[in-house]
């Protein structure tokens, strides 16, 4: 059920949503980081939600600034904990 809700949200996701979320979480996105994050969220949301995103995070580590990457991983882990509980 939650996956269907997430899929619906992802279909409506805009790059502006990512920029606003980043700003609200003190993440300053550089250059094309919005495009990269948007691409990974829209293509791989099922893996981030249900699978093992280790390889995806490895790819992102090479594409994002260290600060953005570290904060993104932290936010992801916090979100996964909330989902579990």
PDB file of N, CA and C in Angstrom:
ATOM      1  N   UNK A   1       0.822  -1.200   0.000  1.00  0.00           N
ATOM      2  CA  UNK A   1       0.000   0.000   0.000  1.00  0.00           C
ATOM      3  C   UNK A   1       0.862   1.259   0.000  1.00  0.00           C
ATOM      4  N   UNK A   2       1.853   1.317   0.881  1.00  0.00           N
ATOM      5  CA  UNK A   2       2.714   2.491   0.932  1.00  0.00           C
ATOM      6  C   UNK A   2       3.455   2.712  -0.373  1.00  0.00           C
ATOM      7  N   UNK A   3       3.815   1.615  -1.048  1.00  0.00           N
ATOM      8  CA  UNK A   3       4.527   1.740  -2.318  1.00  0.00           C
ATOM      9  C   UNK A   3       3.651   2.412  -3.372  1.00  0.00           C
ATOM     10  N   UNK A   4       2.362   2.133  -3.352  1.00  0.00           N
ATOM     11  CA  UNK A   4       1.448   2.777  -4.302  1.00  0.00           C
ATOM     12  C   UNK A   4       1.342   4.276  -4.046  1.00  0.00           C
ATOM     13  N   UNK A   5       1.317   4.645  -2.795  1.00  0.00           N
ATOM     14  CA  UNK A   5       1.284   6.070  -2.432  1.00  0.00           C
ATOM     15  C   UNK A   5       2.575   6.740  -2.880  1.00  0.00           C
ATOM     16  N   UNK A   6       3.696   6.079  -2.625  1.00  0.00           N
ATOM     17  CA  UNK A   6       4.996   6.617  -3.024  1.00  0.00           C
ATOM     18  C   UNK A   6       5.079   6.754  -4.541  1.00  0.00           C
ATOM     19  N   UNK A   7       4.608   5.756  -5.263  1.00  0.00           N
ATOM     20  CA  UNK A   7       4.632   5.805  -6.724  1.00  0.00           C
ATOM     21  C   UNK A   7       3.806   6.984  -7.236  1.00  0.00           C
ATOM     22  N   UNK A   8       2.676   7.218  -6.618  1.00  0.00           N
ATOM     23  CA  UNK A   8       1.837   8.350  -7.002  1.00  0.00           C
ATOM     24  C   UNK A   8       2.551   9.677  -6.751  1.00  0.00           C
ATOM     25  N   UNK A   9       3.232   9.762  -5.618  1.00  0.00           N
ATOM     26  CA  UNK A   9       3.981  10.981  -5.290  1.00  0.00           C
ATOM     27  C   UNK A   9       5.128  11.194  -6.274  1.00  0.00           C
ATOM     28  N   UNK A  10       5.842  10.134  -6.600  1.00  0.00           N
ATOM     29  CA  UNK A  10       6.987  10.233  -7.513  1.00  0.00           C
ATOM     30  C   UNK A  10       6.532  10.730  -8.882  1.00  0.00           C
ATOM     31  N   UNK A  11       5.367  10.286  -9.325  1.00  0.00           N
ATOM     32  CA  UNK A  11       4.854  10.736 -10.619  1.00  0.00           C
ATOM     33  C   UNK A  11       4.601  12.245 -10.641  1.00  0.00           C
ATOM     34  N   UNK A  12       4.298  12.809  -9.490  1.00  0.00           N
ATOM     35  CA  UNK A  12       4.009  14.247  -9.385  1.00  0.00           C
ATOM     36  C   UNK A  12       5.229  15.068  -8.999  1.00  0.00           C
ATOM     37  N   UNK A  13       6.325  14.392  -8.670  1.00  0.00           N
ATOM     38  CA  UNK A  13       7.527  15.068  -8.189  1.00  0.00           C
ATOM     39  C   UNK A  13       8.109  15.988  -9.249  1.00  0.00           C
ATOM     40  N   UNK A  14       8.458  17.179  -8.823  1.00  0.00           N
ATOM     41  CA  UNK A  14       9.097  18.169  -9.693  1.00  0.00           C
ATOM     42  C   UNK A  14      10.451  18.541  -9.083  1.00  0.00           C
ATOM     43  N   UNK A  15      11.320  19.047  -9.906  1.00  0.00           N
ATOM     44  CA  UNK A  15      12.645  19.441  -9.438  1.00  0.00           C
ATOM     45  C   UNK A  15      12.550  20.550  -8.386  1.00  0.00           C
ATOM     46  N   UNK A  16      11.536  21.366  -8.478  1.00  0.00           N
ATOM     47  CA  UNK A  16      11.333  22.423  -7.493  1.00  0.00           C
ATOM     48  C   UNK A  16      11.089  21.837  -6.100  1.00  0.00           C
ATOM     49  N   UNK A  17      10.402  20.678  -6.044  1.00  0.00           N
ATOM     50  CA  UNK A  17      10.170  20.009  -4.760  1.00  0.00           C
ATOM     51  C   UNK A  17      11.500  19.600  -4.133  1.00  0.00           C
ATOM     52  N   UNK A  18      12.408  19.105  -4.948  1.00  0.00           N
ATOM     53  CA  UNK A  18      13.722  18.689  -4.455  1.00  0.00           C
ATOM     54  C   UNK A  18      14.500  19.890  -3.945  1.00  0.00           C
ATOM     55  N   UNK A  19      14.461  20.975  -4.693  1.00  0.00           N
ATOM     56  CA  UNK A  19      15.163  22.199  -4.266  1.00  0.00           C
ATOM     57  C   UNK A  19      14.625  22.692  -2.928  1.00  0.00           C
ATOM     58  N   UNK A  20      13.319  22.705  -2.782  1.00  0.00           N
ATOM     59  CA  UNK A  20      12.695  23.183  -1.550  1.00  0.00           C
ATOM     60  C   UNK A  20      13.015  22.253  -0.376  1.00  0.00           C
ATOM     61  N   UNK A  21      12.940  20.971  -0.599  1.00  0.00           N
ATOM     62  CA  UNK A  21      13.249  20.004   0.458  1.00  0.00           C
ATOM     63  C   UNK A  21      14.703  20.143   0.897  1.00  0.00           C
ATOM     64  N   UNK A  22      15.587  20.289  -0.060  1.00  0.00           N
ATOM     65  CA  UNK A  22      17.006  20.472   0.257  1.00  0.00           C
ATOM     66  C   UNK A  22      17.203  21.747   1.075  1.00  0.00           C
ATOM     67  N   UNK A  23      16.585  22.811   0.643  1.00  0.00           N
ATOM     68  CA  UNK A  23      16.703  24.088   1.356  1.00  0.00           C
ATOM     69  C   UNK A  23      16.194  23.957   2.784  1.00  0.00           C
ATOM     70  N   UNK A  24      15.077  23.275   2.968  1.00  0.00           N
ATOM     71  CA  UNK A  24      14.502  23.091   4.301  1.00  0.00           C
ATOM     72  C   UNK A  24      15.365  22.218   5.201  1.00  0.00           C
ATOM     73  N   UNK A  25      16.264  21.452   4.601  1.00  0.00           N
ATOM     74  CA  UNK A  25      17.147  20.572   5.364  1.00  0.00           C
ATOM     75  C   UNK A  25      18.603  21.041   5.314  1.00  0.00           C
ATOM     76  N   UNK A  26      18.795  22.318   5.034  1.00  0.00           N
ATOM     77  CA  UNK A  26      20.125  22.941   5.024  1.00  0.00           C
ATOM     78  C   UNK A  26      21.101  22.270   4.073  1.00  0.00           C
ATOM     79  N   UNK A  27      20.606  21.889   2.915  1.00  0.00           N
ATOM     80  CA  UNK A  27      21.463  21.324   1.880  1.00  0.00           C
ATOM     81  C   UNK A  27      21.526  22.332   0.739  1.00  0.00           C
ATOM     82  N   UNK A  28      22.724  22.750   0.428  1.00  0.00           N
ATOM     83  CA  UNK A  28      22.923  23.672  -0.685  1.00  0.00           C
ATOM     84  C   UNK A  28      23.340  22.842  -1.896  1.00  0.00           C
ATOM     85  N   UNK A  29      22.427  22.712  -2.835  1.00  0.00           N
ATOM     86  CA  UNK A  29      22.683  21.902  -4.016  1.00  0.00           C
ATOM     87  C   UNK A  29      23.537  22.683  -5.007  1.00  0.00           C
ATOM     88  N   UNK A  30      24.506  21.998  -5.576  1.00  0.00           N
ATOM     89  CA  UNK A  30      25.423  22.616  -6.520  1.00  0.00           C
ATOM     90  C   UNK A  30      25.136  22.142  -7.940  1.00  0.00           C
ATOM     91  N   UNK A  31      25.434  22.996  -8.893  1.00  0.00           N
ATOM     92  CA  UNK A  31      25.377  22.691 -10.320  1.00  0.00           C
ATOM     93  C   UNK A  31      24.184  21.824 -10.703  1.00  0.00           C
ATOM     94  N   UNK A  32      24.443  20.618 -11.154  1.00  0.00           N
ATOM     95  CA  UNK A  32      23.372  19.763 -11.662  1.00  0.00           C
ATOM     96  C   UNK A  32      22.901  18.734 -10.640  1.00  0.00           C
ATOM     97  N   UNK A  33      23.120  18.965  -9.364  1.00  0.00           N
ATOM     98  CA  UNK A  33      22.737  17.996  -8.342  1.00  0.00           C
ATOM     99  C   UNK A  33      21.226  17.767  -8.286  1.00  0.00           C
ATOM    100  N   UNK A  34      20.453  18.775  -8.565  1.00  0.00           N
ATOM    101  CA  UNK A  34      18.998  18.612  -8.589  1.00  0.00           C
ATOM    102  C   UNK A  34      18.624  17.612  -9.680  1.00  0.00           C
ATOM    103  N   UNK A  35      19.245  17.748 -10.840  1.00  0.00           N
ATOM    104  CA  UNK A  35      18.960  16.837 -11.944  1.00  0.00           C
ATOM    105  C   UNK A  35      19.340  15.400 -11.592  1.00  0.00           C
ATOM    106  N   UNK A  36      20.480  15.238 -10.951  1.00  0.00           N
ATOM    107  CA  UNK A  36      20.952  13.899 -10.575  1.00  0.00           C
ATOM    108  C   UNK A  36      20.006  13.266  -9.562  1.00  0.00           C
ATOM    109  N   UNK A  37      19.658  14.008  -8.531  1.00  0.00           N
ATOM    110  CA  UNK A  37      18.764  13.488  -7.491  1.00  0.00           C
ATOM    111  C   UNK A  37      17.398  13.159  -8.082  1.00  0.00           C
ATOM    112  N   UNK A  38      16.887  14.044  -8.917  1.00  0.00           N
ATOM    113  CA  UNK A  38      15.598  13.810  -9.564  1.00  0.00           C
ATOM    114  C   UNK A  38      15.634  12.523 -10.397  1.00  0.00           C
ATOM    115  N   UNK A  39      16.694  12.356 -11.178  1.00  0.00           N
ATOM    116  CA  UNK A  39      16.828  11.165 -12.013  1.00  0.00           C
ATOM    117  C   UNK A  39      16.833   9.891 -11.163  1.00  0.00           C
ATOM    118  N   UNK A  40      17.612   9.892 -10.090  1.00  0.00           N
ATOM    119  CA  UNK A  40      17.703   8.698  -9.253  1.00  0.00           C
ATOM    120  C   UNK A  40      16.390   8.417  -8.521  1.00  0.00           C
ATOM    121  N   UNK A  41      15.726   9.457  -8.052  1.00  0.00           N
ATOM    122  CA  UNK A  41      14.449   9.239  -7.369  1.00  0.00           C
ATOM    123  C   UNK A  41      13.394   8.681  -8.311  1.00  0.00           C
ATOM    124  N   UNK A  42      13.302   9.234  -9.494  1.00  0.00           N
ATOM    125  CA  UNK A  42      12.251   8.798 -10.411  1.00  0.00           C
ATOM    126  C   UNK A  42      12.537   7.424 -11.014  1.00  0.00           C
ATOM    127  N   UNK A  43      13.797   7.113 -11.251  1.00  0.00           N
ATOM    128  CA  UNK A  43      14.140   5.819 -11.853  1.00  0.00           C
ATOM    129  C   UNK A  43      14.206   4.687 -10.835  1.00  0.00           C
ATOM    130  N   UNK A  44      14.678   4.989  -9.639  1.00  0.00           N
ATOM    131  CA  UNK A  44      15.029   3.934  -8.695  1.00  0.00           C
ATOM    132  C   UNK A  44      14.281   3.996  -7.363  1.00  0.00           C
ATOM    133  N   UNK A  45      13.148   4.674  -7.333  1.00  0.00           N
ATOM    134  CA  UNK A  45      12.462   4.833  -6.046  1.00  0.00           C
ATOM    135  C   UNK A  45      12.103   3.490  -5.423  1.00  0.00           C
ATOM    136  N   UNK A  46      11.787   2.486  -6.233  1.00  0.00           N
ATOM    137  CA  UNK A  46      11.431   1.175  -5.679  1.00  0.00           C
ATOM    138  C   UNK A  46      12.625   0.525  -4.988  1.00  0.00           C
ATOM    139  N   UNK A  47      13.798   0.711  -5.537  1.00  0.00           N
ATOM    140  CA  UNK A  47      14.996   0.159  -4.898  1.00  0.00           C
ATOM    141  C   UNK A  47      15.276   0.904  -3.594  1.00  0.00           C
ATOM    142  N   UNK A  48      15.140   2.221  -3.603  1.00  0.00           N
ATOM    143  CA  UNK A  48      15.355   2.987  -2.374  1.00  0.00           C
ATOM    144  C   UNK A  48      14.334   2.601  -1.307  1.00  0.00           C
ATOM    145  N   UNK A  49      13.127   2.298  -1.731  1.00  0.00           N
ATOM    146  CA  UNK A  49      12.062   1.978  -0.784  1.00  0.00           C
ATOM    147  C   UNK A  49      12.147   0.543  -0.282  1.00  0.00           C
ATOM    148  N   UNK A  50      12.299  -0.418  -1.190  1.00  0.00           N
ATOM    149  CA  UNK A  50      12.227  -1.838  -0.824  1.00  0.00           C
ATOM    150  C   UNK A  50      13.525  -2.617  -0.962  1.00  0.00           C
ATOM    151  N   UNK A  51      14.438  -2.126  -1.761  1.00  0.00           N
ATOM    152  CA  UNK A  51      15.610  -2.916  -2.097  1.00  0.00           C
ATOM    153  C   UNK A  51      16.855  -2.512  -1.329  1.00  0.00           C
ATOM    154  N   UNK A  52      17.975  -2.871  -1.907  1.00  0.00           N
ATOM    155  CA  UNK A  52      19.281  -2.532  -1.342  1.00  0.00           C
ATOM    156  C   UNK A  52      19.918  -1.475  -2.236  1.00  0.00           C
ATOM    157  N   UNK A  53      19.880  -0.216  -1.813  1.00  0.00           N
ATOM    158  CA  UNK A  53      20.388   0.863  -2.654  1.00  0.00           C
ATOM    159  C   UNK A  53      21.895   1.106  -2.531  1.00  0.00           C
ATOM    160  N   UNK A  54      22.637   0.155  -2.005  1.00  0.00           N
ATOM    161  CA  UNK A  54      24.073   0.342  -1.789  1.00  0.00           C
ATOM    162  C   UNK A  54      24.778   0.779  -3.072  1.00  0.00           C
ATOM    163  N   UNK A  55      24.512   0.081  -4.167  1.00  0.00           N
ATOM    164  CA  UNK A  55      25.162   0.439  -5.436  1.00  0.00           C
ATOM    165  C   UNK A  55      24.740   1.816  -5.925  1.00  0.00           C
ATOM    166  N   UNK A  56      23.490   2.161  -5.692  1.00  0.00           N
ATOM    167  CA  UNK A  56      23.013   3.487  -6.102  1.00  0.00           C
ATOM    168  C   UNK A  56      23.712   4.575  -5.300  1.00  0.00           C
ATOM    169  N   UNK A  57      23.868   4.352  -4.005  1.00  0.00           N
ATOM    170  CA  UNK A  57      24.572   5.337  -3.191  1.00  0.00           C
ATOM    171  C   UNK A  57      26.041   5.435  -3.584  1.00  0.00           C
ATOM    172  N   UNK A  58      26.637   4.317  -3.990  1.00  0.00           N
ATOM    173  CA  UNK A  58      28.017   4.342  -4.459  1.00  0.00           C
ATOM    174  C   UNK A  58      28.130   5.225  -5.704  1.00  0.00           C
ATOM    175  N   UNK A  59      27.181   5.085  -6.623  1.00  0.00           N
ATOM    176  CA  UNK A  59      27.159   5.929  -7.819  1.00  0.00           C
ATOM    177  C   UNK A  59      26.965   7.399  -7.452  1.00  0.00           C
ATOM    178  N   UNK A  60      26.025   7.646  -6.550  1.00  0.00           N
ATOM    179  CA  UNK A  60      25.743   9.029  -6.142  1.00  0.00           C
ATOM    180  C   UNK A  60      26.943   9.681  -5.461  1.00  0.00           C
ATOM    181  N   UNK A  61      27.702   8.897  -4.737  1.00  0.00           N
ATOM    182  CA  UNK A  61      28.876   9.434  -4.050  1.00  0.00           C
ATOM    183  C   UNK A  61      29.854  10.052  -5.040  1.00  0.00           C
ATOM    184  N   UNK A  62      29.906   9.496  -6.235  1.00  0.00           N
ATOM    185  CA  UNK A  62      30.806  10.006  -7.271  1.00  0.00           C
ATOM    186  C   UNK A  62      30.196  11.148  -8.084  1.00  0.00           C
ATOM    187  N   UNK A  63      28.898  11.370  -7.927  1.00  0.00           N
ATOM    188  CA  UNK A  63      28.223  12.391  -8.730  1.00  0.00           C
ATOM    189  C   UNK A  63      27.855  13.647  -7.941  1.00  0.00           C
ATOM    190  N   UNK A  64      27.762  13.524  -6.624  1.00  0.00           N
ATOM    191  CA  UNK A  64      27.338  14.637  -5.776  1.00  0.00           C
ATOM    192  C   UNK A  64      28.518  15.169  -4.962  1.00  0.00           C
ATOM    193  N   UNK A  65      28.393  16.397  -4.513  1.00  0.00           N
ATOM    194  CA  UNK A  65      29.421  16.943  -3.624  1.00  0.00           C
ATOM    195  C   UNK A  65      29.401  16.146  -2.323  1.00  0.00           C
ATOM    196  N   UNK A  66      30.528  16.076  -1.632  1.00  0.00           N
ATOM    197  CA  UNK A  66      30.567  15.316  -0.370  1.00  0.00           C
ATOM    198  C   UNK A  66      29.523  15.791   0.636  1.00  0.00           C
ATOM    199  N   UNK A  67      29.334  17.081   0.755  1.00  0.00           N
ATOM    200  CA  UNK A  67      28.363  17.622   1.700  1.00  0.00           C
ATOM    201  C   UNK A  67      26.941  17.187   1.341  1.00  0.00           C
ATOM    202  N   UNK A  68      26.582  17.333   0.083  1.00  0.00           N
ATOM    203  CA  UNK A  68      25.251  16.922  -0.367  1.00  0.00           C
ATOM    204  C   UNK A  68      25.058  15.428  -0.165  1.00  0.00           C
ATOM    205  N   UNK A  69      26.041  14.653  -0.555  1.00  0.00           N
ATOM    206  CA  UNK A  69      25.956  13.206  -0.422  1.00  0.00           C
ATOM    207  C   UNK A  69      25.751  12.795   1.039  1.00  0.00           C
ATOM    208  N   UNK A  70      26.557  13.312   1.933  1.00  0.00           N
ATOM    209  CA  UNK A  70      26.472  12.938   3.347  1.00  0.00           C
ATOM    210  C   UNK A  70      25.125  13.304   3.953  1.00  0.00           C
ATOM    211  N   UNK A  71      24.631  14.483   3.624  1.00  0.00           N
ATOM    212  CA  UNK A  71      23.332  14.892   4.157  1.00  0.00           C
ATOM    213  C   UNK A  71      22.200  14.063   3.548  1.00  0.00           C
ATOM    214  N   UNK A  72      22.341  13.725   2.284  1.00  0.00           N
ATOM    215  CA  UNK A  72      21.332  12.902   1.623  1.00  0.00           C
ATOM    216  C   UNK A  72      21.261  11.511   2.254  1.00  0.00           C
ATOM    217  N   UNK A  73      22.406  10.923   2.521  1.00  0.00           N
ATOM    218  CA  UNK A  73      22.445   9.605   3.158  1.00  0.00           C
ATOM    219  C   UNK A  73      21.829   9.679   4.550  1.00  0.00           C
ATOM    220  N   UNK A  74      22.135  10.718   5.282  1.00  0.00           N
ATOM    221  CA  UNK A  74      21.575  10.889   6.628  1.00  0.00           C
ATOM    222  C   UNK A  74      20.045  10.991   6.568  1.00  0.00           C
ATOM    223  N   UNK A  75      19.530  11.795   5.645  1.00  0.00           N
ATOM    224  CA  UNK A  75      18.080  11.940   5.497  1.00  0.00           C
ATOM    225  C   UNK A  75      17.442  10.619   5.082  1.00  0.00           C
ATOM    226  N   UNK A  76      18.101   9.884   4.217  1.00  0.00           N
ATOM    227  CA  UNK A  76      17.586   8.588   3.785  1.00  0.00           C
ATOM    228  C   UNK A  76      17.481   7.630   4.967  1.00  0.00           C
ATOM    229  N   UNK A  77      18.534   7.551   5.759  1.00  0.00           N
ATOM    230  CA  UNK A  77      18.530   6.643   6.913  1.00  0.00           C
ATOM    231  C   UNK A  77      17.444   7.021   7.913  1.00  0.00           C
ATOM    232  N   UNK A  78      17.257   8.322   8.138  1.00  0.00           N
ATOM    233  CA  UNK A  78      16.206   8.776   9.046  1.00  0.00           C
ATOM    234  C   UNK A  78      14.830   8.393   8.505  1.00  0.00           C
ATOM    235  N   UNK A  79      14.636   8.551   7.205  1.00  0.00           N
ATOM    236  CA  UNK A  79      13.341   8.209   6.599  1.00  0.00           C
ATOM    237  C   UNK A  79      13.082   6.706   6.690  1.00  0.00           C
ATOM    238  N   UNK A  80      14.102   5.896   6.428  1.00  0.00           N
ATOM    239  CA  UNK A  80      13.938   4.445   6.511  1.00  0.00           C
ATOM    240  C   UNK A  80      13.586   4.011   7.940  1.00  0.00           C
ATOM    241  N   UNK A  81      14.158   4.652   8.928  1.00  0.00           N
ATOM    242  CA  UNK A  81      13.837   4.335  10.330  1.00  0.00           C
ATOM    243  C   UNK A  81      12.382   4.657  10.618  1.00  0.00           C
ATOM    244  N   UNK A  82      11.900   5.789  10.116  1.00  0.00           N
ATOM    245  CA  UNK A  82      10.499   6.166  10.336  1.00  0.00           C
ATOM    246  C   UNK A  82       9.565   5.161   9.664  1.00  0.00           C
ATOM    247  N   UNK A  83       9.936   4.671   8.504  1.00  0.00           N
ATOM    248  CA  UNK A  83       9.107   3.694   7.792  1.00  0.00           C
ATOM    249  C   UNK A  83       9.028   2.395   8.576  1.00  0.00           C
ATOM    250  N   UNK A  84      10.152   1.978   9.146  1.00  0.00           N
ATOM    251  CA  UNK A  84      10.184   0.730   9.910  1.00  0.00           C
ATOM    252  C   UNK A  84       9.298   0.788  11.156  1.00  0.00           C
ATOM    253  N   UNK A  85       9.244   1.953  11.781  1.00  0.00           N
ATOM    254  CA  UNK A  85       8.492   2.100  13.024  1.00  0.00           C
ATOM    255  C   UNK A  85       7.116   2.505  12.724  1.00  0.00           C
TER     256      UNK A  85
END
